[in-house]
Amino acid sequence: MKKPFLIFFLMFLISIFFISYLYAETILKIGVFDLQRILRESKVIQGYRKVLEKEIEAKRKLFEEK
C-alpha cells in the first residue's frame, strides 16, 4: 500500500517541479542594460556633463590665474 502511494507522490512532485520550471521560464525575463550607452546618449546626463564642464573650466581659469 505504501509503495504505490510513494511512487505516485514522487511522480506528483516531479511533475509539479517541471511544470513550475516551464511556467517560470515564460515569466522570468532578465534584462541587460548598457551603462556606457546610457551615459553617452542620455539627455539628462548630457545636461549634467555640460554643467560639470562649465564648473571645471571656471576652476581651471582660476588655477591658471594663480
N, C-alpha and C. Protein backbone atom coordinates (compact mmCIF):
# COMPACT_ATOMS: atom_id res chain seq x y z
N MET A 1 0.82 -1.19 0.00
CA MET A 1 0.00 0.00 0.00
C MET A 1 0.87 1.26 0.00
N LYS A 2 1.97 1.24 0.75
CA LYS A 2 2.79 2.43 0.84
C LYS A 2 3.61 2.66 -0.43
N LYS A 3 4.04 1.60 -1.08
CA LYS A 3 4.89 1.74 -2.25
C LYS A 3 4.16 2.44 -3.41
N PRO A 4 2.93 2.06 -3.78
CA PRO A 4 2.26 2.79 -4.87
C PRO A 4 1.99 4.25 -4.50
N PHE A 5 1.66 4.48 -3.24
CA PHE A 5 1.42 5.85 -2.81
C PHE A 5 2.71 6.67 -2.90
N LEU A 6 3.83 6.08 -2.50
CA LEU A 6 5.11 6.76 -2.56
C LEU A 6 5.49 7.07 -4.01
N ILE A 7 5.29 6.14 -4.89
CA ILE A 7 5.59 6.35 -6.31
C ILE A 7 4.70 7.45 -6.88
N PHE A 8 3.42 7.42 -6.55
CA PHE A 8 2.50 8.45 -7.01
C PHE A 8 2.92 9.81 -6.48
N PHE A 9 3.27 9.88 -5.22
CA PHE A 9 3.66 11.14 -4.60
C PHE A 9 4.95 11.69 -5.24
N LEU A 10 5.92 10.84 -5.48
CA LEU A 10 7.16 11.28 -6.12
C LEU A 10 6.91 11.76 -7.55
N MET A 11 6.08 11.05 -8.27
CA MET A 11 5.74 11.49 -9.64
C MET A 11 5.01 12.83 -9.61
N PHE A 12 4.16 13.00 -8.63
CA PHE A 12 3.44 14.26 -8.48
C PHE A 12 4.41 15.41 -8.20
N LEU A 13 5.36 15.21 -7.30
CA LEU A 13 6.35 16.25 -7.00
C LEU A 13 7.22 16.57 -8.21
N ILE A 14 7.62 15.54 -8.92
CA ILE A 14 8.45 15.76 -10.12
C ILE A 14 7.66 16.53 -11.18
N SER A 15 6.40 16.18 -11.37
CA SER A 15 5.60 16.88 -12.37
C SER A 15 5.38 18.33 -11.96
N ILE A 16 5.16 18.59 -10.69
CA ILE A 16 4.99 19.98 -10.23
C ILE A 16 6.28 20.75 -10.46
N PHE A 17 7.41 20.12 -10.20
CA PHE A 17 8.70 20.78 -10.42
C PHE A 17 8.87 21.17 -11.88
N PHE A 18 8.59 20.25 -12.80
CA PHE A 18 8.77 20.55 -14.22
C PHE A 18 7.76 21.56 -14.73
N ILE A 19 6.54 21.48 -14.26
CA ILE A 19 5.53 22.46 -14.67
C ILE A 19 5.91 23.85 -14.19
N SER A 20 6.36 23.95 -12.94
CA SER A 20 6.75 25.26 -12.42
C SER A 20 7.98 25.78 -13.15
N TYR A 21 8.89 24.90 -13.53
CA TYR A 21 10.07 25.30 -14.27
C TYR A 21 9.68 25.86 -15.64
N LEU A 22 8.78 25.19 -16.33
CA LEU A 22 8.34 25.67 -17.65
C LEU A 22 7.55 26.96 -17.53
N TYR A 23 6.74 27.08 -16.50
CA TYR A 23 5.96 28.30 -16.29
C TYR A 23 6.87 29.46 -15.93
N ALA A 24 7.86 29.22 -15.10
CA ALA A 24 8.78 30.27 -14.69
C ALA A 24 9.62 30.75 -15.88
N GLU A 25 9.90 29.86 -16.80
CA GLU A 25 10.69 30.24 -17.97
C GLU A 25 9.95 31.27 -18.81
N THR A 26 8.64 31.18 -18.89
CA THR A 26 7.88 32.15 -19.68
C THR A 26 7.74 33.47 -18.95
N ILE A 27 7.73 33.45 -17.64
CA ILE A 27 7.55 34.67 -16.86
C ILE A 27 8.88 35.38 -16.61
N LEU A 28 9.89 34.64 -16.27
CA LEU A 28 11.17 35.20 -15.89
C LEU A 28 11.88 35.78 -17.11
N LYS A 29 12.13 37.06 -17.05
CA LYS A 29 12.89 37.71 -18.12
C LYS A 29 14.00 38.51 -17.47
N ILE A 30 15.18 38.34 -17.97
CA ILE A 30 16.34 39.02 -17.41
C ILE A 30 16.72 40.13 -18.38
N GLY A 31 16.79 41.33 -17.86
CA GLY A 31 17.14 42.48 -18.69
C GLY A 31 18.59 42.86 -18.51
N VAL A 32 19.18 43.31 -19.57
CA VAL A 32 20.56 43.77 -19.54
C VAL A 32 20.57 45.18 -20.10
N PHE A 33 21.29 46.08 -19.45
CA PHE A 33 21.38 47.42 -19.98
C PHE A 33 22.83 47.82 -20.12
N ASP A 34 23.08 48.66 -21.09
CA ASP A 34 24.44 49.10 -21.41
C ASP A 34 24.67 50.45 -20.74
N LEU A 35 25.40 50.45 -19.65
CA LEU A 35 25.62 51.67 -18.88
C LEU A 35 26.39 52.71 -19.69
N GLN A 36 27.35 52.28 -20.48
CA GLN A 36 28.12 53.22 -21.30
C GLN A 36 27.22 53.93 -22.31
N ARG A 37 26.29 53.19 -22.89
CA ARG A 37 25.37 53.80 -23.86
C ARG A 37 24.45 54.79 -23.16
N ILE A 38 23.98 54.44 -21.97
CA ILE A 38 23.12 55.35 -21.22
C ILE A 38 23.87 56.63 -20.90
N LEU A 39 25.11 56.50 -20.43
CA LEU A 39 25.90 57.68 -20.10
C LEU A 39 26.21 58.51 -21.34
N ARG A 40 26.32 57.88 -22.47
CA ARG A 40 26.66 58.58 -23.70
C ARG A 40 25.45 59.26 -24.34
N GLU A 41 24.26 58.63 -24.28
CA GLU A 41 23.12 59.12 -25.04
C GLU A 41 22.03 59.79 -24.21
N SER A 42 22.09 59.71 -22.91
CA SER A 42 21.04 60.26 -22.07
C SER A 42 21.07 61.78 -22.08
N LYS A 43 19.94 62.39 -22.31
CA LYS A 43 19.85 63.86 -22.33
C LYS A 43 20.11 64.44 -20.94
N VAL A 44 19.65 63.76 -19.91
CA VAL A 44 19.88 64.23 -18.55
C VAL A 44 21.37 64.22 -18.23
N ILE A 45 22.03 63.13 -18.59
CA ILE A 45 23.47 63.02 -18.33
C ILE A 45 24.24 64.06 -19.15
N GLN A 46 23.80 64.31 -20.37
CA GLN A 46 24.47 65.32 -21.19
C GLN A 46 24.34 66.70 -20.55
N GLY A 47 23.17 66.99 -19.96
CA GLY A 47 23.00 68.26 -19.26
C GLY A 47 23.92 68.37 -18.07
N TYR A 48 24.03 67.30 -17.29
CA TYR A 48 24.95 67.29 -16.15
C TYR A 48 26.40 67.45 -16.61
N ARG A 49 26.71 66.83 -17.73
CA ARG A 49 28.08 66.91 -18.24
C ARG A 49 28.41 68.35 -18.65
N LYS A 50 27.46 69.07 -19.26
CA LYS A 50 27.70 70.46 -19.65
C LYS A 50 27.91 71.34 -18.42
N VAL A 51 27.09 71.14 -17.40
CA VAL A 51 27.25 71.91 -16.15
C VAL A 51 28.60 71.61 -15.53
N LEU A 52 28.98 70.36 -15.49
CA LEU A 52 30.26 69.97 -14.91
C LEU A 52 31.43 70.55 -15.71
N GLU A 53 31.31 70.56 -17.02
CA GLU A 53 32.38 71.13 -17.85
C GLU A 53 32.52 72.62 -17.60
N LYS A 54 31.41 73.33 -17.41
CA LYS A 54 31.47 74.77 -17.10
C LYS A 54 32.16 75.00 -15.77
N GLU A 55 31.82 74.19 -14.77
CA GLU A 55 32.46 74.34 -13.47
C GLU A 55 33.96 74.03 -13.55
N ILE A 56 34.32 73.02 -14.29
CA ILE A 56 35.73 72.66 -14.43
C ILE A 56 36.49 73.77 -15.15
N GLU A 57 35.87 74.33 -16.17
CA GLU A 57 36.51 75.41 -16.93
C GLU A 57 36.71 76.64 -16.04
N ALA A 58 35.73 76.97 -15.21
CA ALA A 58 35.86 78.11 -14.30
C ALA A 58 36.99 77.87 -13.31
N LYS A 59 37.08 76.68 -12.75
CA LYS A 59 38.14 76.37 -11.79
C LYS A 59 39.50 76.33 -12.48
N ARG A 60 39.52 75.89 -13.73
CA ARG A 60 40.77 75.85 -14.48
C ARG A 60 41.29 77.27 -14.72
N LYS A 61 40.37 78.20 -15.02
CA LYS A 61 40.78 79.59 -15.22
C LYS A 61 41.34 80.18 -13.93
N LEU A 62 40.68 79.88 -12.79
CA LEU A 62 41.19 80.37 -11.50
C LEU A 62 42.58 79.80 -11.22
N PHE A 63 42.77 78.56 -11.53
CA PHE A 63 44.06 77.89 -11.30
C PHE A 63 45.14 78.51 -12.18
N GLU A 64 44.81 78.82 -13.42
CA GLU A 64 45.78 79.40 -14.34
C GLU A 64 46.15 80.82 -13.90
N GLU A 65 45.18 81.58 -13.36
CA GLU A 65 45.45 82.93 -12.90
C GLU A 65 46.40 82.94 -11.71
N LYS A 66 46.24 81.96 -10.84
CA LYS A 66 47.12 81.90 -9.66
C LYS A 66 48.48 81.43 -10.08
